[in-house]
C-alpha atoms as a PDB file:
ATOM      1  CA  MET A   1     -10.472  -5.362   0.000  1.00  0.00           C
ATOM      2  CA  ARG A   2      -6.256  -5.837   0.925  1.00  0.00           C
ATOM      3  CA  ILE A   3      -4.220  -3.302   2.186  1.00  0.00           C
ATOM      4  CA  CYS A   4      -0.522  -2.525   1.454  1.00  0.00           C
ATOM      5  CA  PHE A   5       1.811  -0.790   3.835  1.00  0.00           C
ATOM      6  CA  ASN A   6       3.191   2.005   2.617  1.00  0.00           C
ATOM      7  CA  THR A   7       5.785   2.651   5.635  1.00  0.00           C
ATOM      8  CA  ASP A   8       8.506   4.676   3.794  1.00  0.00           C
ATOM      9  CA  ASN A   9       5.979   7.221   2.433  1.00  0.00           C
ATOM     10  CA  ARG A  10       6.940   6.470  -1.030  1.00  0.00           C
ATOM     11  CA  PRO A  11       4.939   9.215  -3.723  1.00  0.00           C
ATOM     12  CA  HIS A  12       4.240   6.897  -6.099  1.00  0.00           C
ATOM     13  CA  GLN A  13       2.497   8.713  -8.442  1.00  0.00           C
ATOM     14  CA  GLU A  14       5.683  11.477  -8.161  1.00  0.00           C
ATOM     15  CA  TYR A  15       7.850   8.293  -9.301  1.00  0.00           C
ATOM     16  CA  PHE A  16       5.731   6.359 -11.652  1.00  0.00           C
ATOM     17  CA  GLY A  17       2.453   8.777 -12.805  1.00  0.00           C
ATOM     18  CA  ALA A  18      -0.587  10.194 -11.529  1.00  0.00           C
ATOM     19  CA  ASP A  19      -2.007   6.308 -11.538  1.00  0.00           C
ATOM     20  CA  ALA A  20       0.263   4.790  -9.411  1.00  0.00           C
ATOM     21  CA  PHE A  21      -0.699   3.927  -5.938  1.00  0.00           C
ATOM     22  CA  TYR A  22       1.936   0.850  -4.808  1.00  0.00           C
ATOM     23  CA  ASP A  23       4.773  -0.837  -5.700  1.00  0.00           C
ATOM     24  CA  LEU A  24       6.368  -3.840  -5.207  1.00  0.00           C
ATOM     25  CA  ASP A  25      10.292  -5.715  -5.176  1.00  0.00           C
ATOM     26  CA  GLN A  26      10.611  -8.188  -7.419  1.00  0.00           C
ATOM     27  CA  SER A  27      12.563 -10.497  -5.413  1.00  0.00           C
ATOM     28  CA  GLY A  28      12.176 -11.758  -1.877  1.00  0.00           C
ATOM     29  CA  ALA A  29       9.097 -11.273   0.522  1.00  0.00           C
ATOM     30  CA  GLN A  30       7.619  -8.259  -2.123  1.00  0.00           C
ATOM     31  CA  ALA A  31       7.562 -10.485  -5.513  1.00  0.00           C
ATOM     32  CA  GLN A  32       5.754 -13.154  -3.236  1.00  0.00           C
ATOM     33  CA  ALA A  33       3.181 -10.807  -2.333  1.00  0.00           C
ATOM     34  CA  MET A  34       2.592  -9.934  -6.062  1.00  0.00           C
ATOM     35  CA  ARG A  35       0.364 -13.159  -6.319  1.00  0.00           C
ATOM     36  CA  LYS A  36      -2.384 -11.307  -4.202  1.00  0.00           C
ATOM     37  CA  VAL A  37      -2.459  -8.457  -7.126  1.00  0.00           C
ATOM     38  CA  HIS A  38      -5.547  -8.863  -9.092  1.00  0.00           C
ATOM     39  CA  ASN A  39      -7.211  -6.732 -11.399  1.00  0.00           C
ATOM     40  CA  GLY A  40     -11.105  -5.073 -10.269  1.00  0.00           C
ATOM     41  CA  GLU A  41      -9.744  -5.659  -6.258  1.00  0.00           C
ATOM     42  CA  TYR A  42      -9.594  -2.966  -4.008  1.00  0.00           C
ATOM     43  CA  TYR A  43      -6.472  -2.213  -2.351  1.00  0.00           C
ATOM     44  CA  VAL A  44      -5.862   0.412   0.567  1.00  0.00           C
ATOM     45  CA  VAL A  45      -2.398   2.249   1.150  1.00  0.00           C
ATOM     46  CA  LEU A  46      -1.784   2.654   4.605  1.00  0.00           C
ATOM     47  CA  LYS A  47       0.680   5.705   5.152  1.00  0.00           C
ATOM     48  CA  ARG A  48       1.014   7.609   8.447  1.00  0.00           C
ATOM     49  CA  GLU A  49       0.281  11.193   8.894  1.00  0.00           C
ATOM     50  CA  GLY A  50       1.685  11.785  12.118  1.00  0.00           C
ATOM     51  CA  ASP A  51       2.670   9.753  14.810  1.00  0.00           C
ATOM     52  CA  ASP A  52      -1.090   8.807  15.733  1.00  0.00           C
ATOM     53  CA  THR A  53      -2.536   9.458  12.649  1.00  0.00           C
ATOM     54  CA  LEU A  54      -3.181   6.692   9.513  1.00  0.00           C
ATOM     55  CA  ARG A  55      -4.120   7.872   6.145  1.00  0.00           C
ATOM     56  CA  PHE A  56      -6.288   5.157   3.867  1.00  0.00           C
ATOM     57  CA  ASP A  57      -5.863   5.842   0.288  1.00  0.00           C
ATOM     58  CA  TRP A  58      -8.485   3.606  -1.146  1.00  0.00           C
ATOM     59  CA  TRP A  59      -7.465   2.271  -5.144  1.00  0.00           C
ATOM     60  CA  ARG A  60      -9.032   0.097  -7.495  1.00  0.00           C
ATOM     61  CA  CYS A  61      -6.058  -1.862  -9.460  1.00  0.00           C
ATOM     62  CA  LYS A  62      -6.432  -1.897 -12.975  1.00  0.00           C
ATOM     63  CA  GLY A  63      -2.828  -3.545 -13.371  1.00  0.00           C
ATOM     64  CA  THR A  64       0.493  -3.985 -13.220  1.00  0.00           C
ATOM     65  CA  ARG A  65       3.471  -2.591 -14.633  1.00  0.00           C
ATOM     66  CA  LEU A  66       7.165  -3.058 -14.350  1.00  0.00           C
ATOM     67  CA  MET A  67       8.899   0.167 -14.266  1.00  0.00           C
ATOM     68  CA  PRO A  68      12.445   1.605 -13.180  1.00  0.00           C
ATOM     69  CA  ASP A  69      12.708   2.493  -9.640  1.00  0.00           C
ATOM     70  CA  PRO A  70      14.046   5.728  -9.184  1.00  0.00           C
ATOM     71  CA  THR A  71      15.497   5.367  -5.846  1.00  0.00           C
ATOM     72  CA  SER A  72      17.608   2.388  -7.012  1.00  0.00           C
ATOM     73  CA  PRO A  73      19.803   2.930 -10.259  1.00  0.00           C
ATOM     74  CA  GLY A  74      19.121  -0.208 -12.577  1.00  0.00           C
ATOM     75  CA  ALA A  75      16.813  -1.938 -10.461  1.00  0.00           C
ATOM     76  CA  ALA A  76      12.891  -1.936 -12.044  1.00  0.00           C
ATOM     77  CA  VAL A  77      10.024  -2.606  -9.897  1.00  0.00           C
ATOM     78  CA  ASN A  78       6.089  -3.702 -10.116  1.00  0.00           C
ATOM     79  CA  VAL A  79       3.863  -0.768 -10.371  1.00  0.00           C
ATOM     80  CA  LEU A  80       0.614  -1.292  -9.544  1.00  0.00           C
ATOM     81  CA  HIS A  81      -1.736   1.511 -11.351  1.00  0.00           C
ATOM     82  CA  GLY A  82      -5.090   1.817 -10.690  1.00  0.00           C
ATOM     83  CA  GLU A  83      -8.345   4.543 -10.247  1.00  0.00           C
ATOM     84  CA  PHE A  84      -7.843   6.375  -7.169  1.00  0.00           C
ATOM     85  CA  VAL A  85     -11.587   6.169  -4.551  1.00  0.00           C
ATOM     86  CA  LYS A  86     -11.166   7.650  -1.800  1.00  0.00           C
ATOM     87  CA  THR A  87      -9.282   8.500   1.470  1.00  0.00           C
ATOM     88  CA  GLU A  88      -9.906   7.912   5.002  1.00  0.00           C
ATOM     89  CA  VAL A  89      -7.528   9.648   7.418  1.00  0.00           C
ATOM     90  CA  LEU A  90      -8.374   8.077  11.497  1.00  0.00           C
ATOM     91  CA  THR A  91      -6.446   8.336  14.463  1.00  0.00           C
ATOM     92  CA  LYS A  92      -4.852   4.954  14.908  1.00  0.00           C
ATOM     93  CA  GLU A  93      -7.212   3.811  17.982  1.00  0.00           C
ATOM     94  CA  ASP A  94     -10.199   4.402  15.719  1.00  0.00           C
ATOM     95  CA  ALA A  95      -8.904   2.373  13.255  1.00  0.00           C
ATOM     96  CA  PHE A  96      -8.020  -0.660  15.118  1.00  0.00           C
ATOM     97  CA  ALA A  97     -11.325  -0.167  17.195  1.00  0.00           C
ATOM     98  CA  GLY A  98     -13.219  -0.474  14.254  1.00  0.00           C
ATOM     99  CA  THR A  99     -13.271  -3.718  11.942  1.00  0.00           C
ATOM    100  CA  LEU A 100     -12.796  -2.334   8.844  1.00  0.00           C
ATOM    101  CA  TYR A 101      -8.898  -1.599   8.960  1.00  0.00           C
ATOM    102  CA  ARG A 102      -8.404  -4.022  11.558  1.00  0.00           C
ATOM    103  CA  ASP A 103      -6.144  -6.665   9.628  1.00  0.00           C
ATOM    104  CA  ALA A 104      -3.542  -3.787   9.794  1.00  0.00           C
ATOM    105  CA  PHE A 105      -2.837  -4.271  12.939  1.00  0.00           C
ATOM    106  CA  ASN A 106      -1.544  -6.968  15.595  1.00  0.00           C
ATOM    107  CA  LYS A 107      -3.307  -8.032  18.826  1.00  0.00           C
ATOM    108  CA  ASN A 108      -2.061  -4.940  21.027  1.00  0.00           C
ATOM    109  CA  GLY A 109      -3.058  -2.467  18.383  1.00  0.00           C
ATOM    110  CA  GLY A 110       0.263  -1.551  16.829  1.00  0.00           C
ATOM    111  CA  LEU A 111       0.885  -2.046  13.388  1.00  0.00           C
ATOM    112  CA  LYS A 112       1.521  -5.135  11.923  1.00  0.00           C
ATOM    113  CA  ARG A 113       5.709  -5.670  10.720  1.00  0.00           C
ATOM    114  CA  GLY A 114       7.385  -7.290   7.813  1.00  0.00           C
ATOM    115  CA  VAL A 115       4.111  -7.514   6.070  1.00  0.00           C
ATOM    116  CA  THR A 116       3.844  -5.997   2.162  1.00  0.00           C
ATOM    117  CA  ILE A 117      -0.028  -6.955   1.910  1.00  0.00           C
ATOM    118  CA  CYS A 118      -2.732  -8.100   3.585  1.00  0.00           C
END
């Protein structure tokens, strides 16, 4: 299972279709993260629901597609598509206290910064 950080709360289904769950730029650190994407693996998309609440959407990856980025005319992004599995909503404190989502946090209990997929 890998965690995808949707810190901008991008509406992937609205932008790219009902089975889209994450997107990555074609350059920089996000392009490097594409090496971590594999069909059949589970990905958890982390979104903030409020100041202290986190949403974890589970997906099983079925592939990627290069698609136009509706927020950046002329640019394209790698879009991850898959099968939705489930959603969990937890307080930040509860998510940090458990082991399942621990990789999303730094040692002080804050969300990691500058990370795309871990």
